[in-house]
Amino acid sequence: MLTLAQDLVSRATRFILAAGEEPALWTVSVRGRVVGSLVCEAGERRLAWFEGADRSLVNYAGPLDGDVDDLARVLGRRLGTPVELDQLPV
């Protein structure tokens, strides 16, 4: 039960930080390999892909607003394998 509560608090915190004007940075990882980044600056989000990232991710043109966990699920469905977004301190 405590793990569920911690997960909910963590998701809420990430959502609040992502929605603000404060800069934020996430790594985008697949199978433990960082393949890109998500940057939030001045309320705008953008994805950047590193060399070797799968084309199904690189070609993503969908929305970037909303919860980053939802974005990870959408990207994971496109790729057919889980995608993780991990927030880094800025």
C-alpha atoms as a PDB file:
ATOM      1  CA  MET A   1       0.000   0.000   0.000  1.00  0.00           C
ATOM      2  CA  LEU A   2       2.863   2.357   0.817  1.00  0.00           C
ATOM      3  CA  THR A   3       4.422   1.714  -2.594  1.00  0.00           C
ATOM      4  CA  LEU A   4       1.185   2.718  -4.325  1.00  0.00           C
ATOM      5  CA  ALA A   5       1.029   5.932  -2.291  1.00  0.00           C
ATOM      6  CA  GLN A   6       4.662   6.729  -3.077  1.00  0.00           C
ATOM      7  CA  ASP A   7       4.033   6.102  -6.777  1.00  0.00           C
ATOM      8  CA  LEU A   8       1.021   8.434  -6.786  1.00  0.00           C
ATOM      9  CA  VAL A   9       2.933  11.181  -4.985  1.00  0.00           C
ATOM     10  CA  SER A  10       5.874  10.766  -7.363  1.00  0.00           C
ATOM     11  CA  ARG A  11       3.627  10.986 -10.448  1.00  0.00           C
ATOM     12  CA  ALA A  12       1.821  14.046  -9.077  1.00  0.00           C
ATOM     13  CA  THR A  13       5.122  15.777  -8.321  1.00  0.00           C
ATOM     14  CA  ARG A  14       6.469  15.033 -11.801  1.00  0.00           C
ATOM     15  CA  PHE A  15       3.271  16.352 -13.382  1.00  0.00           C
ATOM     16  CA  ILE A  16       3.335  19.568 -11.347  1.00  0.00           C
ATOM     17  CA  LEU A  17       7.021  20.181 -12.091  1.00  0.00           C
ATOM     18  CA  ALA A  18       6.484  19.483 -15.790  1.00  0.00           C
ATOM     19  CA  ALA A  19       3.529  21.843 -16.029  1.00  0.00           C
ATOM     20  CA  GLY A  20       5.364  24.785 -14.503  1.00  0.00           C
ATOM     21  CA  GLU A  21       7.636  27.348 -16.056  1.00  0.00           C
ATOM     22  CA  GLU A  22      10.701  25.794 -14.439  1.00  0.00           C
ATOM     23  CA  PRO A  23      13.065  24.007 -16.829  1.00  0.00           C
ATOM     24  CA  ALA A  24      12.968  20.225 -16.678  1.00  0.00           C
ATOM     25  CA  LEU A  25      14.931  17.453 -18.380  1.00  0.00           C
ATOM     26  CA  TRP A  26      14.163  13.756 -18.822  1.00  0.00           C
ATOM     27  CA  THR A  27      16.158  10.971 -20.410  1.00  0.00           C
ATOM     28  CA  VAL A  28      14.266   8.628 -22.723  1.00  0.00           C
ATOM     29  CA  SER A  29      15.476   5.042 -22.279  1.00  0.00           C
ATOM     30  CA  VAL A  30      14.738   1.734 -23.949  1.00  0.00           C
ATOM     31  CA  ARG A  31      16.082  -1.492 -22.411  1.00  0.00           C
ATOM     32  CA  GLY A  32      18.466   0.524 -20.232  1.00  0.00           C
ATOM     33  CA  ARG A  33      19.910   2.499 -23.159  1.00  0.00           C
ATOM     34  CA  VAL A  34      19.355   6.269 -23.335  1.00  0.00           C
ATOM     35  CA  VAL A  35      18.016   7.045 -26.809  1.00  0.00           C
ATOM     36  CA  GLY A  36      16.811  10.617 -26.399  1.00  0.00           C
ATOM     37  CA  SER A  37      15.724  13.443 -24.145  1.00  0.00           C
ATOM     38  CA  LEU A  38      12.627  15.449 -23.333  1.00  0.00           C
ATOM     39  CA  VAL A  39      13.216  19.096 -22.443  1.00  0.00           C
ATOM     40  CA  CYS A  40      10.676  21.460 -20.905  1.00  0.00           C
ATOM     41  CA  GLU A  41      11.632  25.121 -21.034  1.00  0.00           C
ATOM     42  CA  ALA A  42       9.364  28.163 -20.673  1.00  0.00           C
ATOM     43  CA  GLY A  43       6.314  25.887 -20.819  1.00  0.00           C
ATOM     44  CA  GLU A  44       7.371  24.326 -24.142  1.00  0.00           C
ATOM     45  CA  ARG A  45       8.386  20.664 -24.508  1.00  0.00           C
ATOM     46  CA  ARG A  46      10.561  19.118 -27.181  1.00  0.00           C
ATOM     47  CA  LEU A  47      11.958  15.681 -27.845  1.00  0.00           C
ATOM     48  CA  ALA A  48      15.492  15.172 -29.124  1.00  0.00           C
ATOM     49  CA  TRP A  49      16.715  11.798 -30.337  1.00  0.00           C
ATOM     50  CA  PHE A  50      20.256  10.486 -30.213  1.00  0.00           C
ATOM     51  CA  GLU A  51      21.951   8.662 -33.048  1.00  0.00           C
ATOM     52  CA  GLY A  52      20.718   5.093 -33.277  1.00  0.00           C
ATOM     53  CA  ALA A  53      17.252   5.787 -31.822  1.00  0.00           C
ATOM     54  CA  ASP A  54      14.526   3.643 -33.390  1.00  0.00           C
ATOM     55  CA  ARG A  55      12.737   5.340 -36.314  1.00  0.00           C
ATOM     56  CA  SER A  56       9.319   4.703 -34.762  1.00  0.00           C
ATOM     57  CA  LEU A  57      10.357   6.974 -31.892  1.00  0.00           C
ATOM     58  CA  VAL A  58      12.130   9.548 -34.051  1.00  0.00           C
ATOM     59  CA  ASN A  59       9.035   9.893 -36.259  1.00  0.00           C
ATOM     60  CA  TYR A  60       6.681  10.522 -33.312  1.00  0.00           C
ATOM     61  CA  ALA A  61       4.727  13.704 -34.025  1.00  0.00           C
ATOM     62  CA  GLY A  62       2.044  13.430 -31.355  1.00  0.00           C
ATOM     63  CA  PRO A  63       1.337  15.706 -28.404  1.00  0.00           C
ATOM     64  CA  LEU A  64       3.966  16.315 -25.735  1.00  0.00           C
ATOM     65  CA  ASP A  65       1.717  17.982 -23.173  1.00  0.00           C
ATOM     66  CA  GLY A  66       0.239  16.091 -20.262  1.00  0.00           C
ATOM     67  CA  ASP A  67       1.782  13.507 -18.001  1.00  0.00           C
ATOM     68  CA  VAL A  68       5.257  12.213 -18.894  1.00  0.00           C
ATOM     69  CA  ASP A  69       4.261   8.709 -17.791  1.00  0.00           C
ATOM     70  CA  ASP A  70       1.493   8.789 -20.404  1.00  0.00           C
ATOM     71  CA  LEU A  71       4.024   9.896 -23.013  1.00  0.00           C
ATOM     72  CA  ALA A  72       6.277   6.976 -22.036  1.00  0.00           C
ATOM     73  CA  ARG A  73       3.349   4.568 -22.534  1.00  0.00           C
ATOM     74  CA  VAL A  74       2.506   6.072 -25.941  1.00  0.00           C
ATOM     75  CA  LEU A  75       6.125   5.814 -27.084  1.00  0.00           C
ATOM     76  CA  GLY A  76       6.323   2.272 -25.721  1.00  0.00           C
ATOM     77  CA  ARG A  77       3.263   1.220 -27.723  1.00  0.00           C
ATOM     78  CA  ARG A  78       4.816   2.677 -30.890  1.00  0.00           C
ATOM     79  CA  LEU A  79       8.042   0.798 -30.251  1.00  0.00           C
ATOM     80  CA  GLY A  80       6.505  -2.409 -28.922  1.00  0.00           C
ATOM     81  CA  THR A  81       8.671  -2.381 -25.800  1.00  0.00           C
ATOM     82  CA  PRO A  82       8.609  -0.311 -22.597  1.00  0.00           C
ATOM     83  CA  VAL A  83      10.047   3.213 -22.743  1.00  0.00           C
ATOM     84  CA  GLU A  84      11.160   4.979 -19.553  1.00  0.00           C
ATOM     85  CA  LEU A  85      11.381   8.724 -18.936  1.00  0.00           C
ATOM     86  CA  ASP A  86      13.583   9.613 -15.980  1.00  0.00           C
ATOM     87  CA  GLN A  87      13.710  13.180 -14.728  1.00  0.00           C
ATOM     88  CA  LEU A  88      17.132  14.652 -14.096  1.00  0.00           C
ATOM     89  CA  PRO A  89      17.977  17.571 -11.824  1.00  0.00           C
ATOM     90  CA  VAL A  90      18.433  20.801 -13.730  1.00  0.00           C
END
